[in-house]
Protein backbone atom coordinates (compact mmCIF):
# COMPACT_ATOMS: atom_id res chain seq x y z
CA UNK A 1 5.12 47.71 -45.23
CA UNK A 2 5.03 50.35 -42.68
CA UNK A 3 6.88 49.71 -39.42
CA UNK A 4 5.19 52.25 -37.30
CA UNK A 5 6.58 52.91 -33.80
CA UNK A 6 3.25 51.93 -32.24
CA UNK A 7 3.64 48.25 -33.18
CA UNK A 8 7.03 47.72 -31.49
CA UNK A 9 5.79 48.34 -27.92
CA UNK A 10 2.98 45.84 -28.55
CA UNK A 11 5.58 43.14 -29.27
CA UNK A 12 7.28 43.82 -25.91
CA UNK A 13 3.96 43.57 -24.09
CA UNK A 14 3.45 40.17 -25.71
CA UNK A 15 6.94 38.83 -24.89
CA UNK A 16 7.26 40.27 -21.36
CA UNK A 17 4.63 38.01 -19.69
CA UNK A 18 6.18 34.95 -21.34
CA UNK A 19 9.67 35.93 -20.14
CA UNK A 20 8.40 36.54 -16.58
CA UNK A 21 6.55 33.20 -16.62
CA UNK A 22 9.66 31.31 -17.77
CA UNK A 23 11.84 33.01 -15.16
CA UNK A 24 9.39 32.18 -12.36
CA UNK A 25 9.08 28.59 -13.59
CA UNK A 26 12.86 28.22 -13.35
CA UNK A 27 12.94 29.65 -9.83
CA UNK A 28 10.10 27.42 -8.60
CA UNK A 29 11.60 24.33 -10.22
CA UNK A 30 14.94 24.93 -8.51
CA UNK A 31 13.21 25.36 -5.13
CA UNK A 32 11.08 22.24 -5.52
CA UNK A 33 13.66 19.99 -7.13
CA UNK A 34 14.99 17.22 -4.86
CA UNK A 35 17.89 16.44 -7.18
CA UNK A 36 21.09 16.48 -5.18
CA UNK A 37 19.26 16.84 -1.86
CA UNK A 38 18.96 14.27 0.90
CA UNK A 39 15.19 14.08 1.33
CA UNK A 40 15.56 11.58 4.19
CA UNK A 41 17.25 14.19 6.37
CA UNK A 42 14.23 16.24 7.38
CA UNK A 43 14.66 18.86 10.05
CA UNK A 44 13.94 17.85 13.61
CA UNK A 45 13.25 20.00 16.64
CA UNK A 46 15.25 17.43 18.64
CA UNK A 47 18.56 17.91 16.82
CA UNK A 48 21.26 18.98 19.27
CA UNK A 49 18.80 18.62 22.16
CA UNK A 50 18.50 15.85 24.76
CA UNK A 51 16.53 12.77 23.71
CA UNK A 52 12.99 12.73 25.10
CA UNK A 53 12.80 11.32 28.62
CA UNK A 54 10.05 8.74 28.28
CA UNK A 55 8.95 5.61 29.98
CA UNK A 56 7.76 3.20 27.30
CA UNK A 57 6.79 -0.32 28.44
CA UNK A 58 8.75 -3.28 27.09
CA UNK A 59 7.53 -5.58 24.34
CA UNK A 60 6.43 -8.61 26.32
CA UNK A 61 8.03 -12.00 25.72
CA UNK A 62 11.29 -10.49 24.41
CA UNK A 63 12.97 -10.37 27.82
CA UNK A 64 14.30 -6.92 26.90
CA UNK A 65 13.71 -3.73 28.85
CA UNK A 66 11.49 -0.94 27.60
CA UNK A 67 12.57 2.68 27.55
CA UNK A 68 13.31 4.16 30.96
CA UNK A 69 14.10 7.68 32.03
CA UNK A 70 17.80 6.76 32.06
CA UNK A 71 17.95 4.80 28.77
CA UNK A 72 20.22 7.38 27.14
CA UNK A 73 22.36 8.03 30.21
CA UNK A 74 24.43 4.87 29.77
CA UNK A 75 27.25 6.72 28.02
CA UNK A 76 26.77 4.56 24.92
CA UNK A 77 25.97 5.93 21.49
CA UNK A 78 22.41 4.88 20.65
CA UNK A 79 20.38 4.27 17.52
CA UNK A 80 16.63 4.70 18.04
CA UNK A 81 14.51 3.01 15.38
CA UNK A 82 10.75 3.59 15.17
CA UNK A 83 9.17 0.59 13.41
CA UNK A 84 5.97 -1.44 13.01
CA UNK A 85 5.13 -4.87 11.63
CA UNK A 86 2.53 -3.37 9.26
CA UNK A 87 5.15 -1.04 7.74
CA UNK A 88 6.49 -2.41 4.43
CA UNK A 89 9.51 -0.04 4.37
CA UNK A 90 10.38 -1.27 7.90
CA UNK A 91 10.79 -4.76 6.45
CA UNK A 92 12.99 -3.36 3.68
CA UNK A 93 15.32 -1.60 6.11
CA UNK A 94 15.43 -4.36 8.73
CA UNK A 95 18.63 -6.01 7.39
CA UNK A 96 20.39 -2.67 7.96
CA UNK A 97 18.96 -2.46 11.49
CA UNK A 98 20.20 -6.00 12.15
CA UNK A 99 23.65 -4.95 10.94
CA UNK A 100 23.61 -2.00 13.35
CA UNK A 101 22.60 -4.38 16.14
CA UNK A 102 25.72 -6.47 15.54
CA UNK A 103 27.94 -3.57 16.64
CA UNK A 104 28.47 -4.05 20.39
CA UNK A 105 29.53 -0.42 20.78
CA UNK A 106 26.02 0.78 19.91
CA UNK A 107 22.87 0.58 22.02
CA UNK A 108 20.05 -0.25 19.60
CA UNK A 109 16.68 0.99 20.83
CA UNK A 110 13.45 -0.02 19.10
CA UNK A 111 10.11 1.70 19.53
CA UNK A 112 7.29 -0.43 18.18
CA UNK A 113 4.70 2.04 16.87
CA UNK A 114 0.92 1.40 17.02
CA UNK A 115 1.26 -2.35 16.63
CA UNK A 116 -0.17 -5.43 18.29
CA UNK A 117 2.12 -7.50 20.50
CA UNK A 118 1.57 -10.66 18.46
CA UNK A 119 2.31 -8.94 15.14
CA UNK A 120 5.43 -7.25 16.54
CA UNK A 121 6.70 -10.57 17.95
CA UNK A 122 6.04 -12.31 14.62
CA UNK A 123 7.89 -9.55 12.75
CA UNK A 124 10.93 -9.91 15.04
CA UNK A 125 10.76 -13.70 14.96
CA UNK A 126 10.76 -13.75 11.15
CA UNK A 127 13.37 -11.04 10.55
CA UNK A 128 15.46 -11.18 13.74
CA UNK A 129 15.46 -9.10 16.89
CA UNK A 130 18.57 -6.91 16.92
CA UNK A 131 17.39 -4.56 19.68
CA UNK A 132 18.94 -4.09 23.13
CA UNK A 133 15.92 -2.11 24.34
CA UNK A 134 12.44 -2.31 22.84
CA UNK A 135 9.42 -0.30 23.90
CA UNK A 136 5.80 -0.48 22.82
CA UNK A 137 4.16 2.76 21.71
CA UNK A 138 0.53 1.69 21.26
CA UNK A 139 -0.96 5.18 21.48
CA UNK A 140 1.67 6.91 19.36
CA UNK A 141 2.58 9.29 22.21
CA UNK A 142 6.28 8.36 22.13
CA UNK A 143 6.38 8.98 18.38
CA UNK A 144 4.90 12.44 18.96
CA UNK A 145 7.56 13.19 21.59
CA UNK A 146 10.26 12.14 19.12
CA UNK A 147 8.70 14.27 16.36
CA UNK A 148 8.08 11.32 14.07
CA UNK A 149 6.52 12.01 10.65
CA UNK A 150 5.91 8.32 9.88
CA UNK A 151 7.55 4.93 10.17
CA UNK A 152 10.30 4.03 9.82
CA UNK A 153 12.39 6.80 11.30
CA UNK A 154 15.77 6.51 12.95
CA UNK A 155 17.55 8.84 15.36
CA UNK A 156 21.20 8.84 16.43
CA UNK A 157 21.88 9.80 20.04
CA UNK A 158 25.36 10.47 21.40
CA UNK A 159 26.74 9.09 24.67
CA UNK A 160 25.51 12.10 26.62
CA UNK A 161 21.93 11.59 25.42
CA UNK A 162 21.83 14.32 22.75
CA UNK A 163 20.12 13.67 19.41
CA UNK A 164 22.55 14.45 16.59
CA UNK A 165 20.89 12.98 13.48
CA UNK A 166 17.45 12.03 12.17
CA UNK A 167 16.77 9.77 9.19
CA UNK A 168 13.25 9.62 7.73
CA UNK A 169 12.23 6.54 5.77
CA UNK A 170 13.92 3.20 5.34
CA UNK A 171 17.70 3.08 5.60
CA UNK A 172 19.20 1.61 2.44
CA UNK A 173 22.49 -0.33 2.49
CA UNK A 174 24.16 2.63 0.76
CA UNK A 175 22.79 5.14 3.30
CA UNK A 176 23.96 2.91 6.14
CA UNK A 177 27.51 2.79 4.78
CA UNK A 178 27.80 6.36 3.47
CA UNK A 179 25.75 8.39 5.97
CA UNK A 180 24.83 6.57 9.18
CA UNK A 181 28.04 4.63 9.91
CA UNK A 182 30.41 7.58 9.37
CA UNK A 183 28.34 9.67 11.80
CA UNK A 184 28.29 6.84 14.34
CA UNK A 185 32.03 6.19 13.95
CA UNK A 186 32.73 9.86 14.56
CA UNK A 187 30.70 9.86 17.79
CA UNK A 188 32.15 6.52 18.87
CA UNK A 189 35.68 7.84 18.34
CA UNK A 190 34.88 10.91 20.45
CA UNK A 191 33.36 8.73 23.20
CA UNK A 192 36.57 6.78 23.82
């Protein structure tokens, strides 16, 4: 056999594209992989900015106020939950929202998104109404102002009315205990 020098460069030209392909595959996989990342913590233009000043009418028959221009000027730490009766994940997270509503130190604000009054009332009647304030966003305008991607979404607002956290998707019991409550406790401790 004759190993001529002209055959060796041909081998490199065959291996080089494969090596480049494998290297790029690794880079793209690492960029796209969600392993170890919190995919519920999407960026929000509202983070570290004042909560939107909106007037959102109340959900009738609840006896609770809707959102007013001064809703977040009470000095209380607030949890704003965007929900709808037609949203299956909203039903899944509702026990966690109820748990948040049991904490008297927190103002729990609900924004009912693109829902009928009767369906929203049935949802709250079946699962419990933990909210202190509940507004009706029939047109979806309030959701746009809050930068909502979809329901459910939850925002944490400090006592001075500044948004400090956004959670996209349903809150699991583990997320409530390990992410949401520690953030709230920190703000509540600073508020006193």
